[in-house]
Protein backbone atom coordinates (compact mmCIF):
# COMPACT_ATOMS: atom_id res chain seq x y z
CA MET A 1 113.92 14.33 46.23
CA SER A 2 114.29 13.31 49.86
CA ILE A 3 112.14 10.67 51.56
CA ARG A 4 110.56 13.42 53.66
CA ASP A 5 109.52 15.38 50.56
CA THR A 6 108.24 12.18 48.95
CA LEU A 7 106.06 11.42 51.97
CA ARG A 8 104.72 14.97 52.04
CA VAL A 9 103.77 14.86 48.36
CA ALA A 10 102.19 11.42 48.72
CA LEU A 11 100.12 12.49 51.74
CA ARG A 12 98.98 15.62 49.92
CA ALA A 13 97.82 13.51 46.96
CA LEU A 14 95.88 11.13 49.20
CA VAL A 15 94.28 13.90 51.28
CA ALA A 16 93.09 15.56 48.09
CA ASN A 17 90.68 12.63 47.53
CA PRO A 18 89.81 11.38 51.06
CA LEU A 19 86.66 9.44 50.10
CA ARG A 20 88.44 7.61 47.31
CA ALA A 21 91.32 6.79 49.65
CA VAL A 22 88.95 5.35 52.28
CA LEU A 23 87.02 3.27 49.74
CA THR A 24 90.29 2.01 48.25
CA THR A 25 91.54 0.78 51.62
CA LEU A 26 88.22 -0.89 52.53
CA GLY A 27 89.30 -4.26 51.13
CA ILE A 28 92.54 -4.12 53.11
CA ILE A 29 90.66 -3.11 56.28
CA ILE A 30 88.19 -5.99 55.97
CA GLY A 31 90.88 -8.51 55.05
CA VAL A 32 93.24 -7.62 57.89
CA ALA A 33 90.37 -7.48 60.41
CA ALA A 34 89.14 -10.90 59.27
CA VAL A 35 92.62 -12.43 59.54
CA ILE A 36 93.19 -10.94 63.02
CA THR A 37 89.77 -12.16 64.21
CA THR A 38 90.06 -15.71 62.84
CA VAL A 39 93.61 -16.17 64.13
CA SER A 40 92.58 -14.87 67.59
CA ILE A 41 89.65 -17.31 67.68
CA GLY A 42 91.88 -20.20 66.61
CA THR A 43 94.61 -19.29 69.10
CA GLY A 44 92.07 -18.92 71.89
CA ALA A 45 90.42 -22.23 71.03
CA GLY A 46 93.79 -24.00 71.04
CA ALA A 47 94.74 -22.51 74.41
CA SER A 48 91.33 -23.38 75.85
CA ILE A 49 91.56 -26.99 74.67
CA ARG A 50 95.08 -27.32 76.07
CA GLN A 51 94.03 -25.84 79.42
CA GLN A 52 90.92 -27.99 79.70
CA LEU A 53 92.72 -31.22 78.85
CA THR A 54 95.63 -30.36 81.14
CA SER A 55 93.10 -29.87 83.95
CA LEU A 56 92.24 -33.56 83.63
CA GLY A 57 95.76 -34.36 84.82
CA THR A 58 99.26 -34.23 83.38
CA ASN A 59 101.05 -37.17 81.69
CA LEU A 60 97.80 -39.08 81.76
CA LEU A 61 96.88 -42.43 80.23
CA THR A 62 93.22 -43.43 80.27
CA VAL A 63 92.07 -47.05 80.03
CA PHE A 64 88.50 -47.88 78.99
CA PRO A 65 86.76 -51.29 79.03
CA GLY A 66 86.27 -53.36 75.90
CA ARG A 67 83.36 -53.47 73.50
CA ILE A 68 80.90 -56.01 72.16
CA GLN A 69 81.61 -57.31 68.65
CA THR A 70 78.82 -59.39 67.11
CA PRO A 71 79.47 -62.27 64.67
CA PHE A 72 78.22 -59.94 61.90
CA GLY A 73 81.00 -57.42 62.60
CA ILE A 74 78.77 -54.89 64.33
CA GLY A 75 80.44 -53.22 67.32
CA GLN A 76 78.63 -51.48 70.16
CA GLY A 77 81.39 -49.07 71.14
CA VAL A 78 84.08 -48.75 73.78
CA GLY A 79 82.84 -49.57 77.27
CA SER A 80 79.96 -51.82 76.18
CA VAL A 81 81.63 -54.70 78.11
CA GLN A 82 82.81 -54.20 81.70
CA THR A 83 86.27 -55.79 81.58
CA LEU A 84 88.17 -53.62 84.07
CA GLU A 85 88.48 -54.09 87.82
CA ALA A 86 90.24 -52.17 90.59
CA GLU A 87 92.80 -54.97 90.82
CA ASP A 88 93.96 -54.11 87.29
CA GLY A 89 94.99 -50.66 88.50
CA GLU A 90 96.81 -52.13 91.50
CA ALA A 91 98.72 -54.53 89.23
CA ILE A 92 99.77 -51.67 86.94
CA ALA A 93 101.00 -49.55 89.87
CA GLU A 94 103.05 -52.44 91.27
CA ALA A 95 104.53 -53.76 87.99
CA ILE A 96 105.51 -50.59 86.10
CA PRO A 97 108.21 -48.32 87.59
CA GLY A 98 107.32 -45.43 85.25
CA VAL A 99 103.84 -45.14 86.77
CA GLU A 100 103.50 -42.58 89.55
CA ALA A 101 99.92 -43.37 90.58
CA VAL A 102 96.76 -45.11 89.35
CA THR A 103 93.15 -44.48 90.20
CA ALA A 104 90.05 -46.43 89.23
CA GLU A 105 86.72 -44.71 88.62
CA LEU A 106 83.14 -45.95 88.43
CA SER A 107 80.65 -43.23 87.46
CA ARG A 108 76.89 -43.06 87.09
CA SER A 109 74.31 -40.31 87.31
CA VAL A 110 71.86 -40.75 90.17
CA GLN A 111 69.37 -38.68 92.14
CA VAL A 112 70.85 -36.63 94.98
CA VAL A 113 68.86 -34.90 97.70
CA GLY A 114 70.27 -32.27 100.06
CA GLY A 115 68.39 -29.62 101.98
CA THR A 116 65.65 -28.34 99.67
CA GLN A 117 67.47 -29.40 96.50
CA ASN A 118 66.85 -32.52 94.45
CA ASP A 119 69.03 -33.03 91.37
CA ASN A 120 70.55 -35.66 89.08
CA ILE A 121 74.32 -35.61 89.70
CA ARG A 122 77.25 -37.65 88.39
CA ILE A 123 78.50 -39.89 91.21
CA SER A 124 82.03 -41.26 90.87
CA GLY A 125 83.52 -44.00 93.01
CA VAL A 126 87.29 -43.46 93.06
CA THR A 127 90.37 -44.47 95.05
CA PRO A 128 92.29 -42.14 97.42
CA SER A 129 94.95 -41.50 94.75
CA PHE A 130 92.40 -39.67 92.60
CA PRO A 131 93.49 -36.08 93.54
CA THR A 132 97.11 -36.91 92.68
CA VAL A 133 96.37 -38.57 89.35
CA ARG A 134 93.82 -36.00 88.19
CA ASN A 135 95.64 -33.00 89.67
CA TRP A 136 92.54 -32.01 91.61
CA PRO A 137 93.15 -30.91 95.22
CA THR A 138 90.55 -29.96 97.81
CA THR A 139 89.99 -26.36 98.90
CA GLN A 140 87.94 -27.31 101.96
CA GLY A 141 88.17 -30.36 104.17
CA ALA A 142 90.10 -33.38 102.87
CA PHE A 143 89.84 -36.30 100.48
CA PHE A 144 88.96 -39.73 101.84
CA GLY A 145 91.72 -42.28 102.64
CA GLU A 146 92.45 -45.99 102.63
CA GLU A 147 90.55 -46.58 105.87
CA ASP A 148 87.40 -45.15 104.26
CA MET A 149 87.95 -47.55 101.35
CA ARG A 150 88.32 -50.57 103.62
CA SER A 151 85.26 -49.70 105.71
CA ARG A 152 83.16 -48.66 102.73
CA ALA A 153 82.52 -45.38 104.50
CA ARG A 154 79.58 -43.23 103.47
CA VAL A 155 81.59 -40.08 102.95
CA ALA A 156 81.64 -37.75 99.94
CA VAL A 157 83.85 -35.10 98.41
CA ILE A 158 81.90 -32.68 96.23
CA GLY A 159 82.70 -30.38 93.31
CA SER A 160 82.33 -26.62 93.64
CA THR A 161 79.15 -26.55 91.53
CA VAL A 162 77.50 -29.09 93.83
CA ALA A 163 78.58 -27.03 96.85
CA LYS A 164 76.98 -23.89 95.39
CA THR A 165 73.81 -25.75 94.40
CA PHE A 166 73.12 -27.62 97.63
CA PHE A 167 74.84 -25.41 100.22
CA PRO A 168 74.81 -21.83 98.86
CA GLU A 169 74.84 -20.14 102.28
CA THR A 170 76.31 -22.76 104.61
CA ASP A 171 79.62 -24.57 105.06
CA PRO A 172 79.29 -27.89 103.15
CA ILE A 173 81.69 -29.75 105.48
CA GLY A 174 79.72 -32.04 107.80
CA GLN A 175 76.48 -31.66 105.84
CA THR A 176 74.50 -34.67 104.62
CA LEU A 177 73.58 -35.63 101.06
CA ARG A 178 71.26 -38.53 100.26
CA ILE A 179 72.60 -40.40 97.21
CA ASN A 180 70.16 -43.01 95.94
CA ARG A 181 68.45 -42.59 99.33
CA VAL A 182 71.72 -43.50 101.13
CA PRO A 183 73.01 -40.73 103.48
CA PHE A 184 76.59 -39.52 102.88
CA THR A 185 78.56 -37.00 104.96
CA VAL A 186 80.43 -34.30 103.03
CA ILE A 187 84.10 -34.23 104.12
CA GLY A 188 85.66 -32.10 101.38
CA VAL A 189 85.13 -29.64 98.50
CA LEU A 190 87.33 -29.86 95.40
CA GLN A 191 89.04 -27.00 93.61
CA THR A 192 87.06 -25.51 90.72
CA LYS A 193 87.98 -27.17 87.41
CA GLY A 194 85.51 -25.75 84.88
CA SER A 195 84.10 -27.45 81.80
CA THR A 196 85.74 -29.81 79.34
CA PRO A 197 84.91 -30.80 75.75
CA GLY A 198 82.63 -33.80 75.47
CA PRO A 199 79.65 -35.22 77.30
CA GLN A 200 80.94 -34.59 80.82
CA GLY A 201 80.60 -30.84 80.51
CA ASP A 202 80.88 -29.20 83.94
CA GLN A 203 83.52 -31.19 85.85
CA ASP A 204 82.57 -29.47 89.10
CA ASN A 205 79.01 -30.82 89.03
CA ALA A 206 80.12 -34.16 90.48
CA ILE A 207 80.33 -36.05 93.77
CA PHE A 208 83.15 -38.46 94.65
CA VAL A 209 82.82 -41.34 97.09
CA PRO A 210 85.11 -44.28 97.98
CA LEU A 211 85.18 -46.83 95.16
CA THR A 212 84.25 -49.73 97.42
CA THR A 213 81.28 -47.77 98.75
CA ALA A 214 80.07 -47.01 95.23
CA GLN A 215 80.45 -50.64 94.16
CA ARG A 216 78.70 -52.23 97.15
CA ARG A 217 76.31 -49.63 98.55
CA LEU A 218 75.25 -47.77 95.39
CA PHE A 219 75.79 -49.64 92.13
CA GLY A 220 76.13 -53.34 93.01
CA THR A 221 79.09 -54.22 90.77
CA ASP A 222 82.73 -55.28 91.10
CA SER A 223 83.87 -53.67 87.84
CA VAL A 224 85.14 -50.15 87.21
CA GLY A 225 84.48 -47.86 84.29
CA THR A 226 87.89 -46.22 83.81
CA LEU A 227 91.50 -46.44 84.92
CA TYR A 228 93.54 -43.21 85.06
CA ILE A 229 97.32 -43.69 85.04
CA LYS A 230 99.72 -40.86 85.86
CA VAL A 231 103.13 -41.36 84.22
CA ARG A 232 106.22 -39.95 85.97
CA GLU A 233 107.86 -38.40 82.89
CA ALA A 234 106.28 -37.12 79.67
CA ASP A 235 108.90 -38.85 77.49
CA GLN A 236 107.92 -42.22 79.01
CA MET A 237 104.29 -42.05 77.85
CA THR A 238 104.64 -44.35 74.83
CA ALA A 239 106.79 -46.94 76.65
CA VAL A 240 104.51 -47.01 79.71
CA MET A 241 101.48 -47.30 77.44
CA GLU A 242 102.89 -50.50 75.95
CA GLU A 243 103.77 -51.89 79.39
CA VAL A 244 100.23 -51.17 80.61
CA ARG A 245 98.89 -53.10 77.65
CA LYS A 246 101.06 -56.12 78.53
CA VAL A 247 100.04 -56.05 82.20
CA LEU A 248 96.33 -55.82 81.38
CA ARG A 249 96.53 -58.66 78.86
CA THR A 250 98.19 -60.79 81.53
CA GLN A 251 95.59 -59.75 84.12
CA HIS A 252 92.75 -60.66 81.78
CA GLY A 253 94.33 -63.94 80.65
CA LEU A 254 94.24 -63.04 76.96
CA ARG A 255 95.91 -65.40 74.50
CA GLU A 256 98.51 -64.05 72.09
CA ALA A 257 96.11 -64.06 69.12
CA ALA A 258 93.24 -62.50 71.08
CA GLU A 259 92.37 -58.83 70.66
CA ASP A 260 92.64 -56.43 73.60
CA ASP A 261 89.45 -56.22 75.66
CA PHE A 262 90.31 -52.66 76.65
CA THR A 263 91.33 -49.37 75.02
CA ILE A 264 94.23 -47.14 76.12
CA ARG A 265 94.26 -43.46 75.19
CA ASN A 266 97.22 -41.12 75.51
CA GLN A 267 96.20 -37.62 76.58
CA ALA A 268 99.24 -36.07 74.86
CA ASP A 269 98.12 -37.57 71.54
CA LEU A 270 94.61 -36.23 72.10
CA VAL A 271 95.94 -32.73 72.83
CA ASN A 272 98.16 -32.78 69.72
CA THR A 273 95.32 -34.03 67.52
CA LEU A 274 92.87 -31.40 68.72
CA GLN A 275 95.42 -28.60 68.41
CA SER A 276 96.40 -29.78 64.94
CA THR A 277 92.75 -29.74 63.92
CA THR A 278 92.33 -26.26 65.39
CA ARG A 279 95.39 -24.99 63.51
CA THR A 280 94.12 -26.46 60.23
CA ILE A 281 90.71 -24.81 60.64
CA THR A 282 92.35 -21.50 61.58
CA MET A 283 94.60 -21.61 58.51
CA LEU A 284 91.62 -22.43 56.29
CA LEU A 285 89.57 -19.53 57.67
CA SER A 286 92.56 -17.19 57.46
CA GLY A 287 93.06 -18.20 53.82
CA VAL A 288 89.44 -17.37 53.05
CA ALA A 289 89.82 -14.06 54.88
CA GLY A 290 93.04 -13.40 52.96
CA ILE A 291 91.01 -13.26 49.73
CA SER A 292 89.79 -9.86 50.94
CA LEU A 293 93.43 -8.73 51.04
CA LEU A 294 93.86 -9.83 47.43
CA VAL A 295 90.73 -7.93 46.42
CA GLY A 296 91.95 -4.90 48.37
CA GLY A 297 95.32 -5.07 46.63
CA ILE A 298 93.63 -5.14 43.21
CA GLY A 299 91.60 -2.10 44.30
CA ILE A 300 94.81 -0.25 45.22
CA MET A 301 96.36 -1.08 41.83
CA ASN A 302 93.22 0.10 40.04
CA ILE A 303 93.11 3.43 41.88
CA MET A 304 96.84 4.01 41.46
CA LEU A 305 96.52 3.45 37.68
CA VAL A 306 93.67 5.95 37.64
CA SER A 307 95.82 8.34 39.65
CA VAL A 308 98.69 7.99 37.17
CA THR A 309 96.32 8.75 34.28
CA GLU A 310 94.91 11.80 36.07
CA ARG A 311 98.35 13.18 36.91
CA ILE A 312 100.23 12.61 33.63
CA ARG A 313 100.78 16.34 33.15
CA GLU A 314 102.04 16.65 36.77
CA ILE A 315 104.50 13.82 36.11
CA GLY A 316 105.71 15.57 32.96
CA ILE A 317 106.31 18.82 34.86
CA ARG A 318 108.24 17.00 37.60
CA LYS A 319 110.47 15.32 35.02
CA ALA A 320 110.93 18.61 33.16
CA VAL A 321 112.24 20.37 36.29
CA GLY A 322 114.73 17.61 37.09
CA GLY A 323 112.70 14.82 38.65
CA THR A 324 114.28 11.45 38.03
CA ARG A 325 112.67 8.14 37.16
CA ARG A 326 113.51 6.99 40.71
CA ASP A 327 111.71 10.00 42.23
CA ILE A 328 108.51 9.33 40.29
CA LEU A 329 108.65 5.59 41.00
CA LEU A 330 109.18 6.17 44.70
CA GLN A 331 106.40 8.77 44.93
CA PHE A 332 103.66 6.50 43.56
CA LEU A 333 105.00 3.47 45.40
CA VAL A 334 104.92 5.38 48.70
CA GLU A 335 101.31 6.41 47.99
CA ALA A 336 100.32 2.76 47.49
CA VAL A 337 102.13 1.64 50.65
CA LEU A 338 100.54 4.46 52.67
CA LEU A 339 97.09 3.39 51.47
CA SER A 340 97.64 -0.27 52.34
CA SER A 341 99.37 0.51 55.67
CA ALA A 342 96.56 2.84 56.72
CA GLY A 343 94.07 0.11 55.83
CA GLY A 344 96.17 -2.40 57.75
CA ALA A 345 96.24 -0.20 60.88
CA LEU A 346 92.47 0.33 60.76
CA GLY A 347 91.98 -3.38 60.07
CA ILE A 348 94.09 -4.34 63.09
CA GLY A 349 92.03 -2.06 65.32
CA LEU A 350 88.79 -3.46 63.91
CA GLY A 351 90.05 -7.04 64.26
CA VAL A 352 91.07 -6.55 67.91
CA ALA A 353 87.68 -4.96 68.64
CA ALA A 354 85.86 -7.81 66.85
CA ALA A 355 87.82 -10.44 68.80
CA GLY A 356 86.96 -8.71 72.07
CA SER A 357 83.29 -8.45 71.10
CA ILE A 358 83.11 -12.14 70.18
CA SER A 359 84.68 -13.07 73.51
CA ALA A 360 82.24 -10.85 75.44
CA VAL A 361 79.07 -11.73 73.52
CA ALA A 362 79.57 -15.36 72.55
CA GLY A 363 81.80 -16.34 75.48
CA TRP A 364 84.48 -17.76 73.19
CA SER A 365 88.11 -17.63 74.23
CA THR A 366 90.01 -15.28 71.88
CA ILE A 367 93.69 -14.34 72.07
CA VAL A 368 95.22 -11.60 69.93
CA THR A 369 98.96 -12.25 69.74
CA ILE A 370 101.68 -9.80 68.78
CA GLN A 371 102.76 -12.26 66.08
CA SER A 372 99.36 -12.03 64.34
CA VAL A 373 99.44 -8.21 64.52
CA LEU A 374 102.95 -8.06 63.06
CA LEU A 375 101.99 -10.57 60.37
CA ALA A 376 98.93 -8.54 59.39
CA SER A 377 101.00 -5.32 59.29
CA GLY A 378 103.66 -6.95 57.12
CA VAL A 379 101.09 -8.46 54.75
CA ALA A 380 99.30 -5.10 54.39
CA ALA A 381 102.57 -3.31 53.55
CA GLY A 382 103.55 -6.12 51.18
CA VAL A 383 100.22 -5.84 49.36
CA GLY A 384 100.86 -2.11 48.88
CA ILE A 385 104.33 -2.72 47.44
CA PHE A 386 103.25 -5.63 45.21
CA PHE A 387 100.14 -4.00 43.73
CA GLY A 388 101.59 -0.49 43.69
CA LEU A 389 104.76 -1.43 41.84
CA TYR A 390 103.23 -1.68 38.35
CA PRO A 391 101.40 1.69 38.47
CA ALA A 392 104.56 3.31 39.88
CA GLN A 393 106.70 1.84 37.08
CA ARG A 394 104.16 3.00 34.51
CA ALA A 395 104.28 6.53 35.91
CA ALA A 396 108.08 6.54 36.02
CA SER A 397 108.36 5.35 32.38
CA LEU A 398 106.21 8.15 30.92
CA ASP A 399 107.94 10.32 28.31
CA PRO A 400 108.13 13.87 29.76
CA ILE A 401 107.40 15.58 26.39
CA ALA A 402 104.32 13.41 25.77
CA ALA A 403 103.22 13.98 29.37
CA LEU A 404 103.47 17.79 29.01
CA ARG A 405 101.36 17.65 25.84
CA HIS A 406 98.70 15.54 27.56
CA GLU A 407 95.33 17.25 28.10
């Protein structure tokens, strides 16, 4: 019997019991849909994390101040001691050839008044190299320069959220904001960055002023909160990180046995760690969802065994008129594969729809890849072959005389 005839007979057998066929494929539909949905959520989360961390700046090293350690071994966390100064960043830029640029940052949340608005905004004192290091250009106006640093100018560059909040209908450039009751002139608006994981949240809800202005006119300190170091080449990250450590230890006069009074974090390591975690969670959820595929496969085997029992006389007639063992085996195997493939196709459609709904309703980033669709299709077909093989072999091994006598 040709493949075409086999398909026709298999389709006729399935159409004869449509409700049973639909119920049989339900486990496959749910399993495939769950796998597609979980993989799309995991892929979207990984892409979102990568995009958000890349928006902080590429090839980035971040240096934080030290922490307090009591005699009883109780630590108060990174940044509890202000051990960094702007001069540390200058020393790093001068001493390490692999460093493209360094910027220091001192941030605090203070009250800002502008027009009719009064809000608590994150104020960051930074150096003019900040846009280069953090990959954050202006869309209006310009960033402040070295002269503004030297003169401790009262100028500000604002994020897009601040611009929309304080100046929704006017051009922000040239407008005045009162930061801690000190008037600042807006000279630039930064490109929209969006939100990042962690406490900072909306990156665009921030105001940037010259570091010297923030230190002297706003916060009254000589220290800085963070150093951002942009490395020239990605493959130099580890080497530059070690050189930065040596320079800072020299700057801070630390003895050989003394612990570092600072912490250096490699953004590439952070990205890899977060993506690895996301992949692990996705695989775990996909494994749980895959249990539905196993249950669906068992359902297909059960129904195919019932079908073999119901059609013993039909099998005997087919063998009596010349049907071979191969023909019978192929017929029932094709029926099982058609059931699982149909369930897989419906499951893919349901999974894509579920991923889109989650993205629209919950606001999560979901990405349905062609690889996940092909994987789901292959798994569905494989389930049909694996769980349909035993019933097909049982049908093919029936004795034709015994089958014809069956009532």
